[in-house]
C-alpha atoms as a PDB file:
ATOM      1  CA  MET A   1     -27.569 -26.148 -25.875  1.00  0.00           C
ATOM      2  CA  GLU A   2     -29.105 -22.790 -26.013  1.00  0.00           C
ATOM      3  CA  ASN A   3     -33.015 -22.756 -28.319  1.00  0.00           C
ATOM      4  CA  ALA A   4     -33.199 -26.265 -27.748  1.00  0.00           C
ATOM      5  CA  LYS A   5     -36.504 -27.613 -27.525  1.00  0.00           C
ATOM      6  CA  SER A   6     -37.983 -29.378 -24.377  1.00  0.00           C
ATOM      7  CA  VAL A   7     -37.570 -33.011 -24.514  1.00  0.00           C
ATOM      8  CA  ALA A   8     -37.556 -35.879 -22.735  1.00  0.00           C
ATOM      9  CA  GLY A   9     -33.808 -37.222 -22.142  1.00  0.00           C
ATOM     10  CA  VAL A  10     -33.802 -41.407 -22.430  1.00  0.00           C
ATOM     11  CA  LYS A  11     -30.836 -43.324 -20.372  1.00  0.00           C
ATOM     12  CA  ALA A  12     -28.529 -44.824 -21.773  1.00  0.00           C
ATOM     13  CA  GLY A  13     -25.501 -46.952 -20.828  1.00  0.00           C
ATOM     14  CA  ALA A  14     -22.911 -45.252 -19.284  1.00  0.00           C
ATOM     15  CA  GLY A  15     -24.739 -42.667 -17.212  1.00  0.00           C
ATOM     16  CA  THR A  16     -25.320 -41.473 -20.756  1.00  0.00           C
ATOM     17  CA  VAL A  17     -28.468 -39.007 -21.437  1.00  0.00           C
ATOM     18  CA  VAL A  18     -29.780 -38.827 -24.808  1.00  0.00           C
ATOM     19  CA  TYR A  19     -32.300 -36.360 -26.401  1.00  0.00           C
ATOM     20  CA  SER A  20     -33.698 -36.499 -29.683  1.00  0.00           C
ATOM     21  CA  GLY A  21     -34.749 -33.812 -32.359  1.00  0.00           C
ATOM     22  CA  VAL A  22     -33.680 -30.665 -29.837  1.00  0.00           C
ATOM     23  CA  ALA A  23     -32.778 -28.936 -32.900  1.00  0.00           C
ATOM     24  CA  ARG A  24     -34.467 -29.322 -36.439  1.00  0.00           C
ATOM     25  CA  SER A  25     -31.855 -32.204 -37.919  1.00  0.00           C
ATOM     26  CA  THR A  26     -30.072 -32.128 -34.292  1.00  0.00           C
ATOM     27  CA  ASP A  27     -30.069 -34.902 -31.564  1.00  0.00           C
ATOM     28  CA  LEU A  28     -27.902 -34.460 -28.035  1.00  0.00           C
ATOM     29  CA  ALA A  29     -26.393 -36.631 -25.508  1.00  0.00           C
ATOM     30  CA  VAL A  30     -24.753 -35.639 -22.544  1.00  0.00           C
ATOM     31  CA  GLN A  31     -22.054 -37.751 -20.399  1.00  0.00           C
ATOM     32  CA  PRO A  32     -20.206 -37.514 -17.460  1.00  0.00           C
ATOM     33  CA  THR A  33     -16.874 -38.224 -17.912  1.00  0.00           C
ATOM     34  CA  VAL A  34     -14.376 -39.878 -14.935  1.00  0.00           C
ATOM     35  CA  ASP A  35     -12.693 -36.756 -14.749  1.00  0.00           C
ATOM     36  CA  GLY A  36     -15.546 -34.678 -13.130  1.00  0.00           C
ATOM     37  CA  GLY A  37     -16.690 -33.311 -16.681  1.00  0.00           C
ATOM     38  CA  ALA A  38     -19.121 -33.086 -18.694  1.00  0.00           C
ATOM     39  CA  ARG A  39     -19.445 -34.374 -22.707  1.00  0.00           C
ATOM     40  CA  THR A  40     -21.530 -33.062 -24.859  1.00  0.00           C
ATOM     41  CA  LEU A  41     -22.277 -35.128 -27.966  1.00  0.00           C
ATOM     42  CA  VAL A  42     -23.771 -33.330 -30.713  1.00  0.00           C
ATOM     43  CA  THR A  43     -25.191 -35.016 -33.875  1.00  0.00           C
ATOM     44  CA  LEU A  44     -26.133 -33.250 -36.976  1.00  0.00           C
ATOM     45  CA  LYS A  45     -28.309 -35.559 -38.794  1.00  0.00           C
ATOM     46  CA  ASP A  46     -28.033 -33.850 -42.268  1.00  0.00           C
ATOM     47  CA  SER A  47     -27.889 -30.887 -43.619  1.00  0.00           C
ATOM     48  CA  ALA A  48     -30.691 -28.511 -42.237  1.00  0.00           C
ATOM     49  CA  ALA A  49     -29.293 -29.004 -39.245  1.00  0.00           C
ATOM     50  CA  SER A  50     -27.620 -25.494 -38.016  1.00  0.00           C
ATOM     51  CA  THR A  51     -23.850 -25.678 -38.232  1.00  0.00           C
ATOM     52  CA  ASP A  52     -23.252 -23.431 -34.719  1.00  0.00           C
ATOM     53  CA  GLN A  53     -24.043 -24.819 -31.667  1.00  0.00           C
ATOM     54  CA  ARG A  54     -23.969 -22.918 -28.871  1.00  0.00           C
ATOM     55  CA  PHE A  55     -24.116 -23.278 -25.252  1.00  0.00           C
ATOM     56  CA  ALA A  56     -24.544 -21.467 -21.909  1.00  0.00           C
ATOM     57  CA  LEU A  57     -21.568 -22.071 -19.582  1.00  0.00           C
ATOM     58  CA  ASN A  58     -23.025 -21.602 -15.514  1.00  0.00           C
ATOM     59  CA  LEU A  59     -19.473 -20.104 -14.753  1.00  0.00           C
ATOM     60  CA  PRO A  60     -18.407 -20.114 -10.749  1.00  0.00           C
ATOM     61  CA  GLU A  61     -18.544 -16.474  -9.210  1.00  0.00           C
ATOM     62  CA  GLY A  62     -15.204 -14.591  -9.924  1.00  0.00           C
ATOM     63  CA  ALA A  63     -14.487 -17.219 -13.116  1.00  0.00           C
ATOM     64  CA  LEU A  64     -12.171 -15.859 -16.173  1.00  0.00           C
ATOM     65  CA  VAL A  65     -12.121 -17.865 -19.328  1.00  0.00           C
ATOM     66  CA  LEU A  66      -9.213 -17.903 -21.219  1.00  0.00           C
ATOM     67  CA  PRO A  67      -8.389 -19.729 -24.636  1.00  0.00           C
ATOM     68  CA  ASP A  68      -5.354 -22.003 -24.568  1.00  0.00           C
ATOM     69  CA  ALA A  69      -2.870 -23.187 -27.062  1.00  0.00           C
ATOM     70  CA  ASP A  70      -4.860 -26.049 -28.369  1.00  0.00           C
ATOM     71  CA  GLY A  71      -8.448 -24.231 -29.465  1.00  0.00           C
ATOM     72  CA  GLY A  72     -10.039 -24.616 -26.241  1.00  0.00           C
ATOM     73  CA  TYR A  73     -10.316 -22.713 -22.586  1.00  0.00           C
ATOM     74  CA  HIS A  74      -8.606 -22.600 -19.275  1.00  0.00           C
ATOM     75  CA  VAL A  75     -11.183 -21.475 -16.518  1.00  0.00           C
ATOM     76  CA  SER A  76      -9.636 -19.906 -13.783  1.00  0.00           C
ATOM     77  CA  ARG A  77     -10.377 -18.287 -10.156  1.00  0.00           C
ATOM     78  CA  THR A  78      -8.409 -15.708  -8.043  1.00  0.00           C
ATOM     79  CA  THR A  79      -7.389 -17.367  -4.952  1.00  0.00           C
ATOM     80  CA  ALA A  80      -7.409 -14.885  -1.085  1.00  0.00           C
ATOM     81  CA  GLY A  81      -3.794 -14.976  -2.196  1.00  0.00           C
ATOM     82  CA  GLY A  82      -3.827 -13.047  -5.643  1.00  0.00           C
ATOM     83  CA  LYS A  83      -3.395 -16.246  -7.139  1.00  0.00           C
ATOM     84  CA  SER A  84      -4.762 -17.217 -10.440  1.00  0.00           C
ATOM     85  CA  VAL A  85      -5.893 -21.119 -10.332  1.00  0.00           C
ATOM     86  CA  MET A  86      -7.332 -23.384 -13.072  1.00  0.00           C
ATOM     87  CA  VAL A  87     -10.506 -24.778 -11.769  1.00  0.00           C
ATOM     88  CA  GLY A  88     -12.016 -25.993 -15.582  1.00  0.00           C
ATOM     89  CA  ALA A  89     -11.295 -26.775 -18.486  1.00  0.00           C
ATOM     90  CA  ILE A  90     -13.196 -26.152 -21.823  1.00  0.00           C
ATOM     91  CA  GLU A  91     -10.981 -28.994 -23.892  1.00  0.00           C
ATOM     92  CA  ALA A  92     -10.735 -28.154 -27.812  1.00  0.00           C
ATOM     93  CA  PRO A  93     -13.531 -29.679 -30.175  1.00  0.00           C
ATOM     94  CA  TRP A  94     -13.591 -31.799 -32.767  1.00  0.00           C
ATOM     95  CA  ALA A  95     -16.388 -33.105 -34.942  1.00  0.00           C
ATOM     96  CA  LYS A  96     -16.288 -36.058 -37.518  1.00  0.00           C
ATOM     97  CA  ASP A  97     -18.691 -37.180 -39.996  1.00  0.00           C
ATOM     98  CA  ALA A  98     -20.382 -40.640 -41.111  1.00  0.00           C
ATOM     99  CA  ASN A  99     -16.814 -41.863 -42.597  1.00  0.00           C
ATOM    100  CA  GLY A 100     -14.983 -40.466 -39.647  1.00  0.00           C
ATOM    101  CA  LYS A 101     -13.601 -38.321 -41.499  1.00  0.00           C
ATOM    102  CA  PRO A 102     -12.397 -35.350 -39.491  1.00  0.00           C
ATOM    103  CA  VAL A 103     -14.554 -31.842 -39.416  1.00  0.00           C
ATOM    104  CA  ALA A 104     -12.821 -28.262 -39.372  1.00  0.00           C
ATOM    105  CA  THR A 105     -14.513 -27.076 -36.270  1.00  0.00           C
ATOM    106  CA  SER A 106     -13.853 -24.005 -33.528  1.00  0.00           C
ATOM    107  CA  TYR A 107     -15.294 -22.240 -30.721  1.00  0.00           C
ATOM    108  CA  LYS A 108     -15.834 -18.560 -29.717  1.00  0.00           C
ATOM    109  CA  LEU A 109     -17.031 -17.301 -26.587  1.00  0.00           C
ATOM    110  CA  GLU A 110     -19.184 -14.316 -26.252  1.00  0.00           C
ATOM    111  CA  GLY A 111     -20.372 -13.473 -22.730  1.00  0.00           C
ATOM    112  CA  ASN A 112     -20.904 -16.961 -21.241  1.00  0.00           C
ATOM    113  CA  THR A 113     -21.910 -18.271 -24.467  1.00  0.00           C
ATOM    114  CA  LEU A 114     -19.438 -21.334 -25.616  1.00  0.00           C
ATOM    115  CA  THR A 115     -20.576 -21.581 -29.820  1.00  0.00           C
ATOM    116  CA  GLN A 116     -19.083 -24.177 -31.758  1.00  0.00           C
ATOM    117  CA  HIS A 117     -18.475 -23.684 -35.319  1.00  0.00           C
ATOM    118  CA  ILE A 118     -18.616 -26.986 -37.422  1.00  0.00           C
ATOM    119  CA  GLU A 119     -17.600 -26.234 -41.003  1.00  0.00           C
ATOM    120  CA  THR A 120     -19.505 -28.586 -43.544  1.00  0.00           C
ATOM    121  CA  ASN A 121     -19.934 -28.919 -46.976  1.00  0.00           C
ATOM    122  CA  LYS A 122     -21.491 -30.744 -49.951  1.00  0.00           C
ATOM    123  CA  ASP A 123     -18.989 -33.425 -49.315  1.00  0.00           C
ATOM    124  CA  THR A 124     -19.829 -34.066 -45.780  1.00  0.00           C
ATOM    125  CA  ALA A 125     -20.901 -37.850 -44.831  1.00  0.00           C
ATOM    126  CA  PHE A 126     -23.851 -36.764 -42.751  1.00  0.00           C
ATOM    127  CA  PRO A 127     -24.882 -37.591 -39.627  1.00  0.00           C
ATOM    128  CA  VAL A 128     -21.919 -35.322 -38.000  1.00  0.00           C
ATOM    129  CA  VAL A 129     -21.018 -35.978 -34.845  1.00  0.00           C
ATOM    130  CA  ALA A 130     -19.192 -33.137 -32.692  1.00  0.00           C
ATOM    131  CA  ASP A 131     -17.965 -32.845 -29.092  1.00  0.00           C
ATOM    132  CA  PRO A 132     -17.530 -29.987 -26.618  1.00  0.00           C
ATOM    133  CA  LYS A 133     -15.948 -31.464 -23.601  1.00  0.00           C
ATOM    134  CA  ILE A 134     -15.928 -29.187 -20.046  1.00  0.00           C
ATOM    135  CA  THR A 135     -14.217 -30.085 -16.677  1.00  0.00           C
ATOM    136  CA  TRP A 136     -14.994 -28.530 -13.647  1.00  0.00           C
ATOM    137  CA  GLY A 137     -13.789 -28.839 -10.319  1.00  0.00           C
ATOM    138  CA  ASN A 138     -10.383 -29.339  -8.677  1.00  0.00           C
ATOM    139  CA  VAL A 139      -9.909 -32.447 -10.590  1.00  0.00           C
ATOM    140  CA  THR A 140      -6.660 -30.872 -11.643  1.00  0.00           C
ATOM    141  CA  GLY A 141      -5.293 -27.517 -11.315  1.00  0.00           C
ATOM    142  CA  THR A 142      -3.114 -25.295 -12.907  1.00  0.00           C
ATOM    143  CA  ALA A 143      -1.571 -22.136 -10.755  1.00  0.00           C
ATOM    144  CA  TYR A 144      -0.464 -19.249 -13.348  1.00  0.00           C
ATOM    145  CA  PHE A 145       2.635 -16.732 -11.676  1.00  0.00           C
ATOM    146  CA  THR A 146       2.758 -13.218 -13.610  1.00  0.00           C
ATOM    147  CA  LYS A 147       6.032 -12.218 -14.999  1.00  0.00           C
ATOM    148  CA  SER A 148       7.279 -10.118 -12.337  1.00  0.00           C
ATOM    149  CA  GLU A 149       6.711 -13.311  -9.398  1.00  0.00           C
ATOM    150  CA  THR A 150       8.277 -15.569 -12.244  1.00  0.00           C
ATOM    151  CA  LYS A 151      10.925 -12.552 -11.989  1.00  0.00           C
ATOM    152  CA  ASN A 152      11.532 -13.097  -8.044  1.00  0.00           C
ATOM    153  CA  ILE A 153      11.671 -16.611  -7.950  1.00  0.00           C
ATOM    154  CA  ALA A 154      14.302 -17.274 -10.594  1.00  0.00           C
ATOM    155  CA  ILE A 155      16.592 -14.448  -8.750  1.00  0.00           C
ATOM    156  CA  TYR A 156      15.669 -15.145  -5.327  1.00  0.00           C
ATOM    157  CA  GLY A 157      14.433 -19.022  -5.575  1.00  0.00           C
ATOM    158  CA  ALA A 158      11.120 -20.785  -5.198  1.00  0.00           C
ATOM    159  CA  THR A 159      10.870 -20.503  -1.221  1.00  0.00           C
ATOM    160  CA  ALA A 160      12.337 -17.324  -0.531  1.00  0.00           C
ATOM    161  CA  ALA A 161      10.089 -15.404  -3.283  1.00  0.00           C
ATOM    162  CA  ILE A 162       6.518 -16.657  -2.670  1.00  0.00           C
ATOM    163  CA  SER A 163       5.276 -17.736   0.862  1.00  0.00           C
ATOM    164  CA  THR A 164       3.003 -20.634   0.498  1.00  0.00           C
ATOM    165  CA  LYS A 165       0.734 -19.678   3.150  1.00  0.00           C
ATOM    166  CA  PHE A 166      -0.888 -17.590  -0.013  1.00  0.00           C
ATOM    167  CA  LEU A 167      -0.833 -20.996  -2.110  1.00  0.00           C
ATOM    168  CA  PRO A 168      -4.159 -23.731  -2.468  1.00  0.00           C
ATOM    169  CA  PRO A 169      -3.837 -27.369  -0.873  1.00  0.00           C
ATOM    170  CA  PRO A 170      -1.693 -29.373  -2.170  1.00  0.00           C
ATOM    171  CA  LEU A 171      -0.043 -26.727  -4.285  1.00  0.00           C
ATOM    172  CA  ASN A 172       1.286 -25.249  -1.282  1.00  0.00           C
ATOM    173  CA  ALA A 173       2.746 -28.635   0.297  1.00  0.00           C
ATOM    174  CA  LEU A 174       4.322 -29.590  -3.297  1.00  0.00           C
ATOM    175  CA  TYR A 175       5.944 -26.093  -4.184  1.00  0.00           C
ATOM    176  CA  SER A 176       8.017 -26.595  -1.073  1.00  0.00           C
ATOM    177  CA  VAL A 177       9.637 -29.975  -1.675  1.00  0.00           C
ATOM    178  CA  ASN A 178      10.172 -28.844  -5.246  1.00  0.00           C
ATOM    179  CA  ALA A 179      11.632 -25.685  -4.961  1.00  0.00           C
ATOM    180  CA  ALA A 180      14.449 -26.970  -6.958  1.00  0.00           C
ATOM    181  CA  LEU A 181      12.821 -27.172 -10.007  1.00  0.00           C
ATOM    182  CA  VAL A 182      10.717 -24.106  -9.761  1.00  0.00           C
ATOM    183  CA  SER A 183      13.120 -22.083  -9.746  1.00  0.00           C
ATOM    184  CA  ALA A 184      15.060 -24.131 -12.615  1.00  0.00           C
ATOM    185  CA  LYS A 185      11.769 -23.440 -14.283  1.00  0.00           C
ATOM    186  CA  ALA A 186      11.287 -20.059 -13.728  1.00  0.00           C
ATOM    187  CA  VAL A 187      14.712 -19.299 -15.179  1.00  0.00           C
ATOM    188  CA  GLU A 188      14.090 -20.573 -18.732  1.00  0.00           C
ATOM    189  CA  ALA A 189      10.534 -18.750 -18.221  1.00  0.00           C
ATOM    190  CA  ARG A 190      12.794 -15.561 -17.262  1.00  0.00           C
ATOM    191  CA  GLY A 191      14.969 -16.411 -19.991  1.00  0.00           C
ATOM    192  CA  ASP A 192      12.827 -16.743 -22.942  1.00  0.00           C
ATOM    193  CA  GLY A 193      10.654 -13.903 -21.785  1.00  0.00           C
ATOM    194  CA  TYR A 194       7.604 -16.101 -20.350  1.00  0.00           C
ATOM    195  CA  CYS A 195       5.520 -16.818 -17.349  1.00  0.00           C
ATOM    196  CA  LEU A 196       5.742 -19.420 -14.732  1.00  0.00           C
ATOM    197  CA  LYS A 197       3.225 -21.929 -14.103  1.00  0.00           C
ATOM    198  CA  ILE A 198       2.849 -24.907 -12.238  1.00  0.00           C
ATOM    199  CA  LYS A 199      -0.273 -27.953 -13.202  1.00  0.00           C
ATOM    200  CA  PHE A 200      -1.171 -29.556  -9.963  1.00  0.00           C
ATOM    201  CA  ALA A 201      -3.053 -32.650  -8.996  1.00  0.00           C
ATOM    202  CA  ALA A 202      -2.658 -36.137  -7.100  1.00  0.00           C
ATOM    203  CA  GLY A 203       0.234 -37.267  -7.278  1.00  0.00           C
ATOM    204  CA  ILE A 204       1.437 -34.154 -10.298  1.00  0.00           C
ATOM    205  CA  PHE A 205       3.873 -31.794 -10.058  1.00  0.00           C
ATOM    206  CA  ILE A 206       4.468 -29.936 -13.523  1.00  0.00           C
ATOM    207  CA  PRO A 207       5.990 -26.484 -13.766  1.00  0.00           C
ATOM    208  CA  GLY A 208       6.370 -25.077 -17.207  1.00  0.00           C
ATOM    209  CA  VAL A 209       5.331 -21.885 -19.016  1.00  0.00           C
ATOM    210  CA  TYR A 210       3.094 -19.491 -20.397  1.00  0.00           C
ATOM    211  CA  SER A 211       2.519 -16.710 -22.925  1.00  0.00           C
ATOM    212  CA  ASN A 212      -0.933 -15.824 -23.656  1.00  0.00           C
ATOM    213  CA  GLY A 213      -1.581 -13.457 -20.738  1.00  0.00           C
ATOM    214  CA  CYS A 214       1.576 -13.346 -19.000  1.00  0.00           C
ATOM    215  CA  ASP A 215       1.882  -9.586 -17.378  1.00  0.00           C
END
């Protein structure tokens, strides 16, 4: 959290560390999540708290951050074979007031600084809790194929169009086993003017389509 005061953290349950008074009328709690990420719970104690909370992202070298369709972001990197593989995710933000009522909130990314804006008003019941959740590592992955690659897969088939040696594990093995499924999804994506993507993890292989950044 940017511009936070240097305060001692207090350990709570489930690995949570609470930092009280890190900013004016603001508390911060950080907890690890089972998917390899971190959840940051920001508590705005009253209307004097800032409605813009800024977080510096410690991005991996060569990482690219792109917005997803849900109000969050995908963090990807390019493999040696030229594939864009997701290495992290910033989930869409949420915020709730003291009565459990949702409070409108959104992200803005400037360079490596992520700002969560929380739209409180005269009817907001404090305290308000806001939650940015960031996941890093290969807990899950998504490979994004270009429009040209999608076209080739649709025309020539998955294994003929793409060499699996350029794909990261375990995608390389799963790709060949599910070649027919990949080809069918590429045909669908090409027909709709989209690009092919494949979500993969332990035991998970889900071909899909995407449009944002498809070229």
